[in-house]
C-alpha atoms as a PDB file:
ATOM      1  CA  MET A   1       0.023  -0.064  -0.074  1.00  0.00           C
ATOM      2  CA  PRO A   2       1.391   3.451  -0.773  1.00  0.00           C
ATOM      3  CA  ASP A   3       2.298   5.471   2.262  1.00  0.00           C
ATOM      4  CA  LEU A   4      -0.250   8.050   3.471  1.00  0.00           C
ATOM      5  CA  PRO A   5       0.254  11.366   5.317  1.00  0.00           C
ATOM      6  CA  ALA A   6       0.396  10.966   8.843  1.00  0.00           C
ATOM      7  CA  ARG A   7      -2.869  12.742   9.735  1.00  0.00           C
ATOM      8  CA  PHE A   8      -4.495  10.741   7.234  1.00  0.00           C
ATOM      9  CA  ALA A   9      -3.181   7.364   8.325  1.00  0.00           C
ATOM     10  CA  ALA A  10      -3.866   7.939  11.767  1.00  0.00           C
ATOM     11  CA  ILE A  11      -7.463   8.620  11.251  1.00  0.00           C
ATOM     12  CA  ILE A  12      -8.045   5.471   8.951  1.00  0.00           C
ATOM     13  CA  LEU A  13      -5.677   3.130  11.453  1.00  0.00           C
ATOM     14  CA  ALA A  14      -8.398   4.172  14.204  1.00  0.00           C
ATOM     15  CA  PHE A  15     -10.714   1.887  11.931  1.00  0.00           C
ATOM     16  CA  ALA A  16      -8.371  -1.210  12.067  1.00  0.00           C
ATOM     17  CA  PRO A  17      -9.477  -2.866  15.441  1.00  0.00           C
ATOM     18  CA  LEU A  18     -12.936  -3.186  13.798  1.00  0.00           C
ATOM     19  CA  PHE A  19     -11.621  -5.860  11.489  1.00  0.00           C
ATOM     20  CA  CYS A  20      -9.742  -8.871  11.674  1.00  0.00           C
ATOM     21  CA  LEU A  21      -6.335  -8.727   9.932  1.00  0.00           C
ATOM     22  CA  ARG A  22      -7.295 -10.575   6.619  1.00  0.00           C
ATOM     23  CA  THR A  23     -10.452  -8.178   6.150  1.00  0.00           C
ATOM     24  CA  TRP A  24      -8.367  -5.363   7.040  1.00  0.00           C
ATOM     25  CA  ARG A  25      -5.914  -5.886   4.256  1.00  0.00           C
ATOM     26  CA  HIS A  26      -8.806  -6.128   1.291  1.00  0.00           C
ATOM     27  CA  ALA A  27     -10.208  -2.933   3.130  1.00  0.00           C
ATOM     28  CA  GLU A  28      -7.041  -1.198   2.686  1.00  0.00           C
ATOM     29  CA  VAL A  29      -6.949  -2.061  -1.054  1.00  0.00           C
ATOM     30  CA  LEU A  30     -10.724  -0.733  -1.399  1.00  0.00           C
ATOM     31  CA  ARG A  31      -9.860   2.409   0.503  1.00  0.00           C
ATOM     32  CA  VAL A  32      -6.909   3.232  -1.785  1.00  0.00           C
ATOM     33  CA  GLY A  33      -9.146   2.406  -4.665  1.00  0.00           C
ATOM     34  CA  ALA A  34     -12.074   4.844  -3.209  1.00  0.00           C
ATOM     35  CA  ILE A  35      -9.322   7.773  -3.086  1.00  0.00           C
ATOM     36  CA  LEU A  36      -8.051   7.293  -6.609  1.00  0.00           C
ATOM     37  CA  ALA A  37     -11.098   5.985  -8.710  1.00  0.00           C
ATOM     38  CA  PRO A  38     -12.740   8.712 -10.629  1.00  0.00           C
ATOM     39  CA  GLY A  39     -16.619   8.229 -11.398  1.00  0.00           C
ATOM     40  CA  LYS A  40     -18.597   5.331  -9.995  1.00  0.00           C
ATOM     41  CA  HIS A  41     -16.996   3.592  -6.786  1.00  0.00           C
ATOM     42  CA  THR A  42     -17.978   0.407  -7.497  1.00  0.00           C
ATOM     43  CA  VAL A  43     -15.686  -2.387  -6.287  1.00  0.00           C
ATOM     44  CA  THR A  44     -14.677  -3.464  -9.675  1.00  0.00           C
ATOM     45  CA  SER A  45     -13.635   0.120 -10.343  1.00  0.00           C
ATOM     46  CA  LEU A  46     -11.703   0.285  -7.068  1.00  0.00           C
ATOM     47  CA  LEU A  47     -10.184  -2.910  -7.631  1.00  0.00           C
ATOM     48  CA  ARG A  48      -8.999  -1.637 -11.376  1.00  0.00           C
ATOM     49  CA  ILE A  49      -7.588   1.747 -10.270  1.00  0.00           C
ATOM     50  CA  SER A  50      -5.600   0.028  -7.381  1.00  0.00           C
ATOM     51  CA  GLY A  51      -3.884  -2.374  -9.714  1.00  0.00           C
ATOM     52  CA  HIS A  52      -5.842  -5.531  -8.765  1.00  0.00           C
ATOM     53  CA  ARG A  53      -8.005  -5.900 -11.823  1.00  0.00           C
ATOM     54  CA  ARG A  54      -6.971  -9.622 -12.237  1.00  0.00           C
ATOM     55  CA  GLU A  55      -7.462 -10.609  -8.633  1.00  0.00           C
ATOM     56  CA  PRO A  56      -8.510 -14.184  -8.562  1.00  0.00           C
ATOM     57  CA  HIS A  57     -10.369 -13.905  -5.301  1.00  0.00           C
ATOM     58  CA  PHE A  58     -12.375 -10.596  -6.003  1.00  0.00           C
ATOM     59  CA  ILE A  59     -15.316 -11.786  -4.179  1.00  0.00           C
ATOM     60  CA  ASN A  60     -13.456 -11.329  -0.740  1.00  0.00           C
ATOM     61  CA  TYR A  61     -13.381  -7.794  -1.772  1.00  0.00           C
ATOM     62  CA  HIS A  62     -17.066  -7.675  -2.326  1.00  0.00           C
ATOM     63  CA  ARG A  63     -17.620  -9.512   1.226  1.00  0.00           C
ATOM     64  CA  VAL A  64     -15.878  -6.847   3.215  1.00  0.00           C
ATOM     65  CA  LEU A  65     -18.776  -4.371   2.259  1.00  0.00           C
ATOM     66  CA  ASN A  66     -21.473  -7.092   2.335  1.00  0.00           C
ATOM     67  CA  ARG A  67     -20.975  -8.312   5.773  1.00  0.00           C
ATOM     68  CA  ALA A  68     -21.858  -6.208   8.925  1.00  0.00           C
END
């Protein structure tokens, strides 16, 4: 993941304890994609812009947003 400015990273990291480690890694990819993606912010567009377009287990990224 790209390095974030310290102030922004501190805000984002405050949410890390709410996720298990594996889910947090997926959430980080989606976060970076959401920041960079122009237009609609679908999971597919977030993966595409963050360089995970050919991710074999893309369903795991959908599950991050699908589960409570």
